[in-house]
Amino acid sequence: MYEALVKTLREQCQNMDCGNCNTCVKLKAADAIEELSKPRWNPVTERLPKPGEESLVLVSKSGMEVALYEEGIYGEAEWFTTSGKLEGVTHWMPLPEPPKEEAPAGPYDLLYEEGGYNSNGV
């Protein structure tokens, strides 16, 4: 998302060490944008995702999981997986965007397209 902007800002500086010109300010802005656009863990005590949003979560006893965030009736944070309610979430981060291009066809996709697959796997 920010790659083009960062590239444009970086291409404009000829004297990278002057520190005073408008272009060097743009280089510093490019660094800041790059740093802010990196995925990072958010403590649940500081910030929560939007209700209904899936996130990668860090659970104190079991590691990482993908969970859906919802706000409880009393405003408390509630996290859910396909297995049910999740307790002990300490941190979260947004899931990456899915790829824009279509995935290449695998060998099984070709079988389905050609109508060569039946319930016996033949």
PDB file of N, CA and C in Angstrom:
ATOM      1  N   MET A   1       0.819  -1.190   0.000  1.00  0.00           N
ATOM      2  CA  MET A   1       0.000   0.000   0.000  1.00  0.00           C
ATOM      3  C   MET A   1       0.866   1.259   0.000  1.00  0.00           C
ATOM      4  N   TYR A   2       1.889   1.269   0.836  1.00  0.00           N
ATOM      5  CA  TYR A   2       2.731   2.462   0.957  1.00  0.00           C
ATOM      6  C   TYR A   2       4.011   2.359   0.138  1.00  0.00           C
ATOM      7  N   GLU A   3       4.238   1.223  -0.515  1.00  0.00           N
ATOM      8  CA  GLU A   3       5.499   1.003  -1.215  1.00  0.00           C
ATOM      9  C   GLU A   3       5.786   2.067  -2.268  1.00  0.00           C
ATOM     10  N   ALA A   4       4.773   2.430  -3.043  1.00  0.00           N
ATOM     11  CA  ALA A   4       4.971   3.430  -4.112  1.00  0.00           C
ATOM     12  C   ALA A   4       5.321   4.795  -3.534  1.00  0.00           C
ATOM     13  N   LEU A   5       4.652   5.179  -2.464  1.00  0.00           N
ATOM     14  CA  LEU A   5       4.941   6.463  -1.826  1.00  0.00           C
ATOM     15  C   LEU A   5       6.362   6.490  -1.273  1.00  0.00           C
ATOM     16  N   VAL A   6       6.758   5.432  -0.600  1.00  0.00           N
ATOM     17  CA  VAL A   6       8.111   5.362  -0.043  1.00  0.00           C
ATOM     18  C   VAL A   6       9.143   5.433  -1.164  1.00  0.00           C
ATOM     19  N   LYS A   7       8.911   4.709  -2.266  1.00  0.00           N
ATOM     20  CA  LYS A   7       9.839   4.726  -3.395  1.00  0.00           C
ATOM     21  C   LYS A   7       9.964   6.138  -3.982  1.00  0.00           C
ATOM     22  N   THR A   8       8.852   6.811  -4.163  1.00  0.00           N
ATOM     23  CA  THR A   8       8.858   8.177  -4.708  1.00  0.00           C
ATOM     24  C   THR A   8       9.618   9.126  -3.798  1.00  0.00           C
ATOM     25  N   LEU A   9       9.376   9.034  -2.499  1.00  0.00           N
ATOM     26  CA  LEU A   9      10.066   9.918  -1.554  1.00  0.00           C
ATOM     27  C   LEU A   9      11.569   9.674  -1.576  1.00  0.00           C
ATOM     28  N   ARG A  10      11.983   8.399  -1.652  1.00  0.00           N
ATOM     29  CA  ARG A  10      13.413   8.067  -1.630  1.00  0.00           C
ATOM     30  C   ARG A  10      14.143   8.492  -2.910  1.00  0.00           C
ATOM     31  N   GLU A  11      13.480   8.475  -4.051  1.00  0.00           N
ATOM     32  CA  GLU A  11      14.123   8.792  -5.319  1.00  0.00           C
ATOM     33  C   GLU A  11      14.446  10.272  -5.473  1.00  0.00           C
ATOM     34  N   GLN A  12      13.913  11.127  -4.627  1.00  0.00           N
ATOM     35  CA  GLN A  12      14.061  12.560  -4.827  1.00  0.00           C
ATOM     36  C   GLN A  12      15.314  13.163  -4.191  1.00  0.00           C
ATOM     37  N   CYS A  13      15.987  12.452  -3.332  1.00  0.00           N
ATOM     38  CA  CYS A  13      17.147  13.040  -2.649  1.00  0.00           C
ATOM     39  C   CYS A  13      18.448  12.708  -3.371  1.00  0.00           C
ATOM     40  N   GLN A  14      19.227  13.733  -3.671  1.00  0.00           N
ATOM     41  CA  GLN A  14      20.516  13.555  -4.315  1.00  0.00           C
ATOM     42  C   GLN A  14      21.647  13.553  -3.284  1.00  0.00           C
ATOM     43  N   ASN A  15      21.532  14.403  -2.263  1.00  0.00           N
ATOM     44  CA  ASN A  15      22.542  14.512  -1.212  1.00  0.00           C
ATOM     45  C   ASN A  15      21.926  13.957   0.068  1.00  0.00           C
ATOM     46  N   MET A  16      22.127  12.684   0.314  1.00  0.00           N
ATOM     47  CA  MET A  16      21.393  11.983   1.360  1.00  0.00           C
ATOM     48  C   MET A  16      21.775  12.373   2.786  1.00  0.00           C
ATOM     49  N   ASP A  17      22.817  13.139   2.972  1.00  0.00           N
ATOM     50  CA  ASP A  17      23.261  13.416   4.333  1.00  0.00           C
ATOM     51  C   ASP A  17      23.144  14.863   4.769  1.00  0.00           C
ATOM     52  N   CYS A  18      22.548  15.726   3.976  1.00  0.00           N
ATOM     53  CA  CYS A  18      22.531  17.140   4.367  1.00  0.00           C
ATOM     54  C   CYS A  18      21.627  17.360   5.586  1.00  0.00           C
ATOM     55  N   GLY A  19      20.524  16.641   5.679  1.00  0.00           N
ATOM     56  CA  GLY A  19      19.650  16.723   6.844  1.00  0.00           C
ATOM     57  C   GLY A  19      18.792  17.962   6.933  1.00  0.00           C
ATOM     58  N   ASN A  20      18.981  18.934   6.049  1.00  0.00           N
ATOM     59  CA  ASN A  20      18.250  20.192   6.142  1.00  0.00           C
ATOM     60  C   ASN A  20      17.242  20.426   5.037  1.00  0.00           C
ATOM     61  N   CYS A  21      17.482  19.872   3.859  1.00  0.00           N
ATOM     62  CA  CYS A  21      16.630  20.202   2.720  1.00  0.00           C
ATOM     63  C   CYS A  21      15.279  19.495   2.795  1.00  0.00           C
ATOM     64  N   ASN A  22      14.363  19.982   2.016  1.00  0.00           N
ATOM     65  CA  ASN A  22      13.012  19.425   1.952  1.00  0.00           C
ATOM     66  C   ASN A  22      13.045  17.948   1.544  1.00  0.00           C
ATOM     67  N   THR A  23      13.992  17.609   0.660  1.00  0.00           N
ATOM     68  CA  THR A  23      14.100  16.230   0.198  1.00  0.00           C
ATOM     69  C   THR A  23      14.539  15.305   1.329  1.00  0.00           C
ATOM     70  N   CYS A  24      15.444  15.771   2.184  1.00  0.00           N
ATOM     71  CA  CYS A  24      15.868  14.936   3.314  1.00  0.00           C
ATOM     72  C   CYS A  24      14.721  14.721   4.298  1.00  0.00           C
ATOM     73  N   VAL A  25      13.857  15.711   4.429  1.00  0.00           N
ATOM     74  CA  VAL A  25      12.660  15.543   5.253  1.00  0.00           C
ATOM     75  C   VAL A  25      11.790  14.448   4.650  1.00  0.00           C
ATOM     76  N   LYS A  26      11.733  14.412   3.308  1.00  0.00           N
ATOM     77  CA  LYS A  26      10.963  13.369   2.630  1.00  0.00           C
ATOM     78  C   LYS A  26      11.571  11.990   2.898  1.00  0.00           C
ATOM     79  N   LEU A  27      12.894  11.912   2.953  1.00  0.00           N
ATOM     80  CA  LEU A  27      13.534  10.632   3.266  1.00  0.00           C
ATOM     81  C   LEU A  27      13.166  10.160   4.678  1.00  0.00           C
ATOM     82  N   LYS A  28      13.157  11.095   5.607  1.00  0.00           N
ATOM     83  CA  LYS A  28      12.768  10.749   6.975  1.00  0.00           C
ATOM     84  C   LYS A  28      11.303  10.319   7.021  1.00  0.00           C
ATOM     85  N   ALA A  29      10.468  10.962   6.227  1.00  0.00           N
ATOM     86  CA  ALA A  29       9.049  10.576   6.147  1.00  0.00           C
ATOM     87  C   ALA A  29       8.929   9.171   5.576  1.00  0.00           C
ATOM     88  N   ALA A  30       9.737   8.855   4.556  1.00  0.00           N
ATOM     89  CA  ALA A  30       9.711   7.511   3.968  1.00  0.00           C
ATOM     90  C   ALA A  30      10.093   6.462   5.010  1.00  0.00           C
ATOM     91  N   ASP A  31      11.106   6.749   5.808  1.00  0.00           N
ATOM     92  CA  ASP A  31      11.506   5.826   6.880  1.00  0.00           C
ATOM     93  C   ASP A  31      10.378   5.612   7.875  1.00  0.00           C
ATOM     94  N   ALA A  32       9.711   6.702   8.246  1.00  0.00           N
ATOM     95  CA  ALA A  32       8.622   6.614   9.221  1.00  0.00           C
ATOM     96  C   ALA A  32       7.444   5.824   8.654  1.00  0.00           C
ATOM     97  N   ILE A  33       7.103   6.077   7.404  1.00  0.00           N
ATOM     98  CA  ILE A  33       5.996   5.347   6.765  1.00  0.00           C
ATOM     99  C   ILE A  33       6.321   3.865   6.696  1.00  0.00           C
ATOM    100  N   GLU A  34       7.545   3.538   6.320  1.00  0.00           N
ATOM    101  CA  GLU A  34       7.960   2.144   6.236  1.00  0.00           C
ATOM    102  C   GLU A  34       7.854   1.461   7.599  1.00  0.00           C
ATOM    103  N   GLU A  35       8.300   2.127   8.627  1.00  0.00           N
ATOM    104  CA  GLU A  35       8.256   1.561   9.978  1.00  0.00           C
ATOM    105  C   GLU A  35       6.819   1.376  10.453  1.00  0.00           C
ATOM    106  N   LEU A  36       5.965   2.358  10.207  1.00  0.00           N
ATOM    107  CA  LEU A  36       4.577   2.275  10.662  1.00  0.00           C
ATOM    108  C   LEU A  36       3.758   1.252   9.884  1.00  0.00           C
ATOM    109  N   SER A  37       4.170   0.949   8.652  1.00  0.00           N
ATOM    110  CA  SER A  37       3.400   0.008   7.850  1.00  0.00           C
ATOM    111  C   SER A  37       3.768  -1.454   8.130  1.00  0.00           C
ATOM    112  N   LYS A  38       4.797  -1.692   8.941  1.00  0.00           N
ATOM    113  CA  LYS A  38       5.166  -3.063   9.301  1.00  0.00           C
ATOM    114  C   LYS A  38       4.143  -3.619  10.284  1.00  0.00           C
ATOM    115  N   PRO A  39       3.782  -4.901  10.106  1.00  0.00           N
ATOM    116  CA  PRO A  39       2.869  -5.496  11.079  1.00  0.00           C
ATOM    117  C   PRO A  39       3.546  -5.557  12.452  1.00  0.00           C
ATOM    118  N   ARG A  40       2.775  -5.312  13.496  1.00  0.00           N
ATOM    119  CA  ARG A  40       3.350  -5.393  14.844  1.00  0.00           C
ATOM    120  C   ARG A  40       2.279  -5.860  15.816  1.00  0.00           C
ATOM    121  N   TRP A  41       2.719  -6.413  16.909  1.00  0.00           N
ATOM    122  CA  TRP A  41       1.818  -6.902  17.940  1.00  0.00           C
ATOM    123  C   TRP A  41       1.275  -5.730  18.746  1.00  0.00           C
ATOM    124  N   ASN A  42      -0.039  -5.720  18.946  1.00  0.00           N
ATOM    125  CA  ASN A  42      -0.709  -4.694  19.742  1.00  0.00           C
ATOM    126  C   ASN A  42      -1.163  -5.311  21.056  1.00  0.00           C
ATOM    127  N   PRO A  43      -0.734  -4.789  22.203  1.00  0.00           N
ATOM    128  CA  PRO A  43      -1.244  -5.304  23.470  1.00  0.00           C
ATOM    129  C   PRO A  43      -2.748  -5.023  23.577  1.00  0.00           C
ATOM    130  N   VAL A  44      -3.520  -6.000  24.065  1.00  0.00           N
ATOM    131  CA  VAL A  44      -4.974  -5.805  24.181  1.00  0.00           C
ATOM    132  C   VAL A  44      -5.311  -4.748  25.232  1.00  0.00           C
ATOM    133  N   THR A  45      -4.358  -4.426  26.093  1.00  0.00           N
ATOM    134  CA  THR A  45      -4.577  -3.390  27.104  1.00  0.00           C
ATOM    135  C   THR A  45      -4.487  -1.990  26.515  1.00  0.00           C
ATOM    136  N   GLU A  46      -3.866  -1.860  25.316  1.00  0.00           N
ATOM    137  CA  GLU A  46      -3.690  -0.547  24.688  1.00  0.00           C
ATOM    138  C   GLU A  46      -4.664  -0.284  23.548  1.00  0.00           C
ATOM    139  N   ARG A  47      -4.974  -1.331  22.772  1.00  0.00           N
ATOM    140  CA  ARG A  47      -5.774  -1.137  21.571  1.00  0.00           C
ATOM    141  C   ARG A  47      -6.417  -2.454  21.176  1.00  0.00           C
ATOM    142  N   LEU A  48      -7.635  -2.382  20.613  1.00  0.00           N
ATOM    143  CA  LEU A  48      -8.338  -3.579  20.158  1.00  0.00           C
ATOM    144  C   LEU A  48      -8.763  -3.395  18.701  1.00  0.00           C
ATOM    145  N   PRO A  49      -8.937  -4.497  17.970  1.00  0.00           N
ATOM    146  CA  PRO A  49      -9.423  -4.355  16.593  1.00  0.00           C
ATOM    147  C   PRO A  49     -10.894  -3.959  16.573  1.00  0.00           C
ATOM    148  N   LYS A  50     -11.419  -3.701  15.401  1.00  0.00           N
ATOM    149  CA  LYS A  50     -12.845  -3.388  15.263  1.00  0.00           C
ATOM    150  C   LYS A  50     -13.644  -4.656  15.541  1.00  0.00           C
ATOM    151  N   PRO A  51     -14.796  -4.539  16.191  1.00  0.00           N
ATOM    152  CA  PRO A  51     -15.640  -5.725  16.403  1.00  0.00           C
ATOM    153  C   PRO A  51     -15.974  -6.395  15.064  1.00  0.00           C
ATOM    154  N   GLY A  52     -15.927  -7.717  15.059  1.00  0.00           N
ATOM    155  CA  GLY A  52     -16.195  -8.486  13.850  1.00  0.00           C
ATOM    156  C   GLY A  52     -14.970  -8.717  12.985  1.00  0.00           C
ATOM    157  N   GLU A  53     -13.804  -8.228  13.417  1.00  0.00           N
ATOM    158  CA  GLU A  53     -12.577  -8.347  12.642  1.00  0.00           C
ATOM    159  C   GLU A  53     -11.764  -9.559  13.111  1.00  0.00           C
ATOM    160  N   GLU A  54     -11.282 -10.343  12.142  1.00  0.00           N
ATOM    161  CA  GLU A  54     -10.399 -11.462  12.477  1.00  0.00           C
ATOM    162  C   GLU A  54      -8.977 -10.951  12.596  1.00  0.00           C
ATOM    163  N   SER A  55      -8.233 -11.521  13.549  1.00  0.00           N
ATOM    164  CA  SER A  55      -6.856 -11.105  13.784  1.00  0.00           C
ATOM    165  C   SER A  55      -6.016 -12.309  14.153  1.00  0.00           C
ATOM    166  N   LEU A  56      -4.713 -12.146  14.027  1.00  0.00           N
ATOM    167  CA  LEU A  56      -3.783 -13.122  14.570  1.00  0.00           C
ATOM    168  C   LEU A  56      -3.590 -12.735  16.025  1.00  0.00           C
ATOM    169  N   VAL A  57      -3.824 -13.676  16.944  1.00  0.00           N
ATOM    170  CA  VAL A  57      -3.733 -13.348  18.365  1.00  0.00           C
ATOM    171  C   VAL A  57      -2.670 -14.204  19.037  1.00  0.00           C
ATOM    172  N   LEU A  58      -2.113 -13.652  20.093  1.00  0.00           N
ATOM    173  CA  LEU A  58      -1.153 -14.362  20.930  1.00  0.00           C
ATOM    174  C   LEU A  58      -1.864 -14.710  22.225  1.00  0.00           C
ATOM    175  N   VAL A  59      -1.934 -16.005  22.517  1.00  0.00           N
ATOM    176  CA  VAL A  59      -2.632 -16.485  23.699  1.00  0.00           C
ATOM    177  C   VAL A  59      -1.590 -16.926  24.708  1.00  0.00           C
ATOM    178  N   SER A  60      -1.760 -16.489  25.955  1.00  0.00           N
ATOM    179  CA  SER A  60      -0.728 -16.709  26.970  1.00  0.00           C
ATOM    180  C   SER A  60      -0.356 -18.178  27.158  1.00  0.00           C
ATOM    181  N   LYS A  61      -1.286 -19.120  26.994  1.00  0.00           N
ATOM    182  CA  LYS A  61      -0.971 -20.521  27.281  1.00  0.00           C
ATOM    183  C   LYS A  61      -0.808 -21.398  26.045  1.00  0.00           C
ATOM    184  N   SER A  62      -1.292 -20.947  24.892  1.00  0.00           N
ATOM    185  CA  SER A  62      -1.273 -21.860  23.745  1.00  0.00           C
ATOM    186  C   SER A  62      -0.569 -21.344  22.492  1.00  0.00           C
ATOM    187  N   GLY A  63      -0.070 -20.132  22.481  1.00  0.00           N
ATOM    188  CA  GLY A  63       0.626 -19.622  21.301  1.00  0.00           C
ATOM    189  C   GLY A  63      -0.250 -18.745  20.430  1.00  0.00           C
ATOM    190  N   MET A  64      -0.104 -18.890  19.105  1.00  0.00           N
ATOM    191  CA  MET A  64      -0.824 -18.031  18.165  1.00  0.00           C
ATOM    192  C   MET A  64      -2.037 -18.737  17.572  1.00  0.00           C
ATOM    193  N   GLU A  65      -3.081 -17.946  17.327  1.00  0.00           N
ATOM    194  CA  GLU A  65      -4.303 -18.443  16.691  1.00  0.00           C
ATOM    195  C   GLU A  65      -4.925 -17.310  15.893  1.00  0.00           C
ATOM    196  N   VAL A  66      -5.788 -17.670  14.966  1.00  0.00           N
ATOM    197  CA  VAL A  66      -6.604 -16.681  14.273  1.00  0.00           C
ATOM    198  C   VAL A  66      -7.933 -16.640  15.011  1.00  0.00           C
ATOM    199  N   ALA A  67      -8.349 -15.440  15.415  1.00  0.00           N
ATOM    200  CA  ALA A  67      -9.577 -15.314  16.205  1.00  0.00           C
ATOM    201  C   ALA A  67     -10.377 -14.093  15.763  1.00  0.00           C
ATOM    202  N   LEU A  68     -11.669 -14.162  16.004  1.00  0.00           N
ATOM    203  CA  LEU A  68     -12.600 -13.078  15.721  1.00  0.00           C
ATOM    204  C   LEU A  68     -12.821 -12.289  17.000  1.00  0.00           C
ATOM    205  N   TYR A  69     -12.700 -10.970  16.910  1.00  0.00           N
ATOM    206  CA  TYR A  69     -12.920 -10.116  18.076  1.00  0.00           C
ATOM    207  C   TYR A  69     -14.364  -9.626  18.095  1.00  0.00           C
ATOM    208  N   GLU A  70     -14.973  -9.683  19.266  1.00  0.00           N
ATOM    209  CA  GLU A  70     -16.304  -9.103  19.486  1.00  0.00           C
ATOM    210  C   GLU A  70     -16.291  -8.387  20.833  1.00  0.00           C
ATOM    211  N   GLU A  71     -17.153  -7.410  20.955  1.00  0.00           N
ATOM    212  CA  GLU A  71     -17.301  -6.689  22.220  1.00  0.00           C
ATOM    213  C   GLU A  71     -18.452  -7.347  22.985  1.00  0.00           C
ATOM    214  N   GLY A  72     -18.189  -7.730  24.246  1.00  0.00           N
ATOM    215  CA  GLY A  72     -19.222  -8.365  25.060  1.00  0.00           C
ATOM    216  C   GLY A  72     -20.302  -7.377  25.485  1.00  0.00           C
ATOM    217  N   ILE A  73     -21.356  -7.881  26.118  1.00  0.00           N
ATOM    218  CA  ILE A  73     -22.478  -7.010  26.509  1.00  0.00           C
ATOM    219  C   ILE A  73     -22.061  -5.932  27.501  1.00  0.00           C
ATOM    220  N   TYR A  74     -21.033  -6.187  28.255  1.00  0.00           N
ATOM    221  CA  TYR A  74     -20.566  -5.197  29.238  1.00  0.00           C
ATOM    222  C   TYR A  74     -19.320  -4.455  28.739  1.00  0.00           C
ATOM    223  N   GLY A  75     -19.044  -4.546  27.439  1.00  0.00           N
ATOM    224  CA  GLY A  75     -17.907  -3.840  26.855  1.00  0.00           C
ATOM    225  C   GLY A  75     -16.586  -4.583  26.948  1.00  0.00           C
ATOM    226  N   GLU A  76     -16.594  -5.798  27.481  1.00  0.00           N
ATOM    227  CA  GLU A  76     -15.354  -6.561  27.609  1.00  0.00           C
ATOM    228  C   GLU A  76     -14.964  -7.196  26.266  1.00  0.00           C
ATOM    229  N   ALA A  77     -13.677  -7.429  26.117  1.00  0.00           N
ATOM    230  CA  ALA A  77     -13.165  -8.037  24.891  1.00  0.00           C
ATOM    231  C   ALA A  77     -13.460  -9.532  24.903  1.00  0.00           C
ATOM    232  N   GLU A  78     -13.983 -10.030  23.788  1.00  0.00           N
ATOM    233  CA  GLU A  78     -14.222 -11.462  23.640  1.00  0.00           C
ATOM    234  C   GLU A  78     -13.624 -11.912  22.315  1.00  0.00           C
ATOM    235  N   TRP A  79     -12.937 -13.039  22.345  1.00  0.00           N
ATOM    236  CA  TRP A  79     -12.270 -13.584  21.170  1.00  0.00           C
ATOM    237  C   TRP A  79     -12.828 -14.971  20.897  1.00  0.00           C
ATOM    238  N   PHE A  80     -13.078 -15.273  19.623  1.00  0.00           N
ATOM    239  CA  PHE A  80     -13.647 -16.561  19.249  1.00  0.00           C
ATOM    240  C   PHE A  80     -12.865 -17.202  18.109  1.00  0.00           C
ATOM    241  N   THR A  81     -12.705 -18.526  18.189  1.00  0.00           N
ATOM    242  CA  THR A  81     -12.148 -19.321  17.095  1.00  0.00           C
ATOM    243  C   THR A  81     -13.239 -20.268  16.636  1.00  0.00           C
ATOM    244  N   THR A  82     -12.938 -21.100  15.681  1.00  0.00           N
ATOM    245  CA  THR A  82     -13.926 -22.083  15.228  1.00  0.00           C
ATOM    246  C   THR A  82     -14.231 -23.096  16.335  1.00  0.00           C
ATOM    247  N   SER A  83     -13.359 -23.192  17.325  1.00  0.00           N
ATOM    248  CA  SER A  83     -13.556 -24.120  18.448  1.00  0.00           C
ATOM    249  C   SER A  83     -14.361 -23.512  19.589  1.00  0.00           C
ATOM    250  N   GLY A  84     -14.581 -22.215  19.579  1.00  0.00           N
ATOM    251  CA  GLY A  84     -15.332 -21.565  20.648  1.00  0.00           C
ATOM    252  C   GLY A  84     -14.622 -20.339  21.185  1.00  0.00           C
ATOM    253  N   LYS A  85     -15.004 -19.940  22.404  1.00  0.00           N
ATOM    254  CA  LYS A  85     -14.449 -18.738  23.025  1.00  0.00           C
ATOM    255  C   LYS A  85     -13.001 -18.984  23.437  1.00  0.00           C
ATOM    256  N   LEU A  86     -12.177 -17.970  23.235  1.00  0.00           N
ATOM    257  CA  LEU A  86     -10.748 -18.049  23.524  1.00  0.00           C
ATOM    258  C   LEU A  86     -10.433 -17.163  24.716  1.00  0.00           C
ATOM    259  N   GLU A  87      -9.738 -17.706  25.694  1.00  0.00           N
ATOM    260  CA  GLU A  87      -9.346 -16.954  26.894  1.00  0.00           C
ATOM    261  C   GLU A  87      -7.839 -16.716  26.890  1.00  0.00           C
ATOM    262  N   GLY A  88      -7.411 -15.659  27.524  1.00  0.00           N
ATOM    263  CA  GLY A  88      -5.979 -15.395  27.706  1.00  0.00           C
ATOM    264  C   GLY A  88      -5.284 -14.708  26.550  1.00  0.00           C
ATOM    265  N   VAL A  89      -6.025 -13.986  25.713  1.00  0.00           N
ATOM    266  CA  VAL A  89      -5.400 -13.252  24.603  1.00  0.00           C
ATOM    267  C   VAL A  89      -4.659 -12.051  25.177  1.00  0.00           C
ATOM    268  N   THR A  90      -3.385 -11.936  24.849  1.00  0.00           N
ATOM    269  CA  THR A  90      -2.572 -10.834  25.367  1.00  0.00           C
ATOM    270  C   THR A  90      -2.231  -9.791  24.299  1.00  0.00           C
ATOM    271  N   HIS A  91      -2.091 -10.237  23.038  1.00  0.00           N
ATOM    272  CA  HIS A  91      -1.707  -9.352  21.941  1.00  0.00           C
ATOM    273  C   HIS A  91      -2.444  -9.773  20.672  1.00  0.00           C
ATOM    274  N   TRP A  92      -2.531  -8.854  19.712  1.00  0.00           N
ATOM    275  CA  TRP A  92      -3.133  -9.149  18.420  1.00  0.00           C
ATOM    276  C   TRP A  92      -2.460  -8.331  17.340  1.00  0.00           C
ATOM    277  N   MET A  93      -2.611  -8.778  16.089  1.00  0.00           N
ATOM    278  CA  MET A  93      -2.176  -7.999  14.931  1.00  0.00           C
ATOM    279  C   MET A  93      -3.122  -8.299  13.774  1.00  0.00           C
ATOM    280  N   PRO A  94      -3.304  -7.331  12.871  1.00  0.00           N
ATOM    281  CA  PRO A  94      -4.191  -7.559  11.729  1.00  0.00           C
ATOM    282  C   PRO A  94      -3.661  -8.687  10.841  1.00  0.00           C
ATOM    283  N   LEU A  95      -4.570  -9.394  10.216  1.00  0.00           N
ATOM    284  CA  LEU A  95      -4.173 -10.407   9.235  1.00  0.00           C
ATOM    285  C   LEU A  95      -3.722  -9.704   7.966  1.00  0.00           C
ATOM    286  N   PRO A  96      -2.782 -10.279   7.245  1.00  0.00           N
ATOM    287  CA  PRO A  96      -2.374  -9.654   5.979  1.00  0.00           C
ATOM    288  C   PRO A  96      -3.491  -9.757   4.957  1.00  0.00           C
ATOM    289  N   GLU A  97      -3.446  -8.880   3.976  1.00  0.00           N
ATOM    290  CA  GLU A  97      -4.402  -8.927   2.871  1.00  0.00           C
ATOM    291  C   GLU A  97      -4.153 -10.199   2.059  1.00  0.00           C
ATOM    292  N   PRO A  98      -5.208 -10.825   1.546  1.00  0.00           N
ATOM    293  CA  PRO A  98      -4.992 -12.001   0.685  1.00  0.00           C
ATOM    294  C   PRO A  98      -4.339 -11.573  -0.626  1.00  0.00           C
ATOM    295  N   PRO A  99      -3.693 -12.507  -1.316  1.00  0.00           N
ATOM    296  CA  PRO A  99      -3.056 -12.153  -2.594  1.00  0.00           C
ATOM    297  C   PRO A  99      -4.088 -11.638  -3.589  1.00  0.00           C
ATOM    298  N   LYS A 100      -3.688 -10.676  -4.396  1.00  0.00           N
ATOM    299  CA  LYS A 100      -4.589 -10.103  -5.389  1.00  0.00           C
ATOM    300  C   LYS A 100      -4.719 -10.997  -6.619  1.00  0.00           C
ATOM    301  N   GLU A 101      -3.626 -11.673  -6.970  1.00  0.00           N
ATOM    302  CA  GLU A 101      -3.684 -12.534  -8.140  1.00  0.00           C
ATOM    303  C   GLU A 101      -4.250 -13.902  -7.746  1.00  0.00           C
ATOM    304  N   GLU A 102      -4.833 -14.556  -8.716  1.00  0.00           N
ATOM    305  CA  GLU A 102      -5.413 -15.871  -8.469  1.00  0.00           C
ATOM    306  C   GLU A 102      -4.288 -16.890  -8.323  1.00  0.00           C
ATOM    307  N   ALA A 103      -4.457 -17.815  -7.387  1.00  0.00           N
ATOM    308  CA  ALA A 103      -3.449 -18.852  -7.182  1.00  0.00           C
ATOM    309  C   ALA A 103      -3.381 -19.752  -8.411  1.00  0.00           C
ATOM    310  N   PRO A 104      -2.166 -20.237  -8.754  1.00  0.00           N
ATOM    311  CA  PRO A 104      -2.056 -21.131  -9.907  1.00  0.00           C
ATOM    312  C   PRO A 104      -2.810 -22.434  -9.635  1.00  0.00           C
ATOM    313  N   ALA A 105      -3.306 -23.026 -10.705  1.00  0.00           N
ATOM    314  CA  ALA A 105      -4.052 -24.275 -10.575  1.00  0.00           C
ATOM    315  C   ALA A 105      -3.126 -25.392 -10.123  1.00  0.00           C
ATOM    316  N   GLY A 106      -3.606 -26.176  -9.205  1.00  0.00           N
ATOM    317  CA  GLY A 106      -2.871 -27.347  -8.744  1.00  0.00           C
ATOM    318  C   GLY A 106      -3.318 -28.570  -9.522  1.00  0.00           C
ATOM    319  N   PRO A 107      -2.684 -29.723  -9.302  1.00  0.00           N
ATOM    320  CA  PRO A 107      -3.031 -30.923 -10.062  1.00  0.00           C
ATOM    321  C   PRO A 107      -4.479 -31.369  -9.851  1.00  0.00           C
ATOM    322  N   TYR A 108      -5.022 -31.173  -8.649  1.00  0.00           N
ATOM    323  CA  TYR A 108      -6.398 -31.596  -8.384  1.00  0.00           C
ATOM    324  C   TYR A 108      -7.400 -30.678  -9.071  1.00  0.00           C
ATOM    325  N   ASP A 109      -7.059 -29.403  -9.211  1.00  0.00           N
ATOM    326  CA  ASP A 109      -7.939 -28.473  -9.927  1.00  0.00           C
ATOM    327  C   ASP A 109      -8.122 -28.916 -11.376  1.00  0.00           C
ATOM    328  N   LEU A 110      -7.052 -29.392 -11.992  1.00  0.00           N
ATOM    329  CA  LEU A 110      -7.135 -29.849 -13.375  1.00  0.00           C
ATOM    330  C   LEU A 110      -8.049 -31.055 -13.494  1.00  0.00           C
ATOM    331  N   LEU A 111      -7.994 -31.963 -12.523  1.00  0.00           N
ATOM    332  CA  LEU A 111      -8.878 -33.132 -12.548  1.00  0.00           C
ATOM    333  C   LEU A 111     -10.342 -32.720 -12.503  1.00  0.00           C
ATOM    334  N   TYR A 112     -10.661 -31.770 -11.629  1.00  0.00           N
ATOM    335  CA  TYR A 112     -12.049 -31.320 -11.518  1.00  0.00           C
ATOM    336  C   TYR A 112     -12.505 -30.643 -12.805  1.00  0.00           C
ATOM    337  N   GLU A 113     -11.634 -29.820 -13.394  1.00  0.00           N
ATOM    338  CA  GLU A 113     -11.995 -29.105 -14.617  1.00  0.00           C
ATOM    339  C   GLU A 113     -12.266 -30.058 -15.770  1.00  0.00           C
ATOM    340  N   GLU A 114     -11.488 -31.121 -15.853  1.00  0.00           N
ATOM    341  CA  GLU A 114     -11.636 -32.061 -16.955  1.00  0.00           C
ATOM    342  C   GLU A 114     -12.718 -33.092 -16.687  1.00  0.00           C
ATOM    343  N   GLY A 115     -13.321 -33.047 -15.500  1.00  0.00           N
ATOM    344  CA  GLY A 115     -14.376 -34.000 -15.179  1.00  0.00           C
ATOM    345  C   GLY A 115     -13.843 -35.406 -14.957  1.00  0.00           C
ATOM    346  N   GLY A 116     -12.565 -35.512 -14.622  1.00  0.00           N
ATOM    347  CA  GLY A 116     -11.967 -36.841 -14.477  1.00  0.00           C
ATOM    348  C   GLY A 116     -11.940 -37.380 -13.064  1.00  0.00           C
ATOM    349  N   TYR A 117     -12.637 -36.740 -12.138  1.00  0.00           N
ATOM    350  CA  TYR A 117     -12.596 -37.195 -10.754  1.00  0.00           C
ATOM    351  C   TYR A 117     -13.955 -37.726 -10.355  1.00  0.00           C
ATOM    352  N   ASN A 118     -13.992 -38.902  -9.757  1.00  0.00           N
ATOM    353  CA  ASN A 118     -15.243 -39.410  -9.216  1.00  0.00           C
ATOM    354  C   ASN A 118     -15.032 -39.799  -7.761  1.00  0.00           C
ATOM    355  N   SER A 119     -16.038 -40.357  -7.117  1.00  0.00           N
ATOM    356  CA  SER A 119     -15.971 -40.635  -5.695  1.00  0.00           C
ATOM    357  C   SER A 119     -14.917 -41.680  -5.343  1.00  0.00           C
ATOM    358  N   ASN A 120     -14.430 -42.440  -6.332  1.00  0.00           N
ATOM    359  CA  ASN A 120     -13.376 -43.421  -6.078  1.00  0.00           C
ATOM    360  C   ASN A 120     -11.986 -42.832  -6.240  1.00  0.00           C
ATOM    361  N   GLY A 121     -11.915 -41.546  -6.541  1.00  0.00           N
ATOM    362  CA  GLY A 121     -10.622 -40.894  -6.725  1.00  0.00           C
ATOM    363  C   GLY A 121     -10.014 -41.157  -8.080  1.00  0.00           C
ATOM    364  N   VAL A 122     -10.805 -41.628  -9.033  1.00  0.00           N
ATOM    365  CA  VAL A 122     -10.300 -41.956 -10.356  1.00  0.00           C
ATOM    366  C   VAL A 122     -10.926 -41.058 -11.401  1.00  0.00           C
TER     367      VAL A 122
END
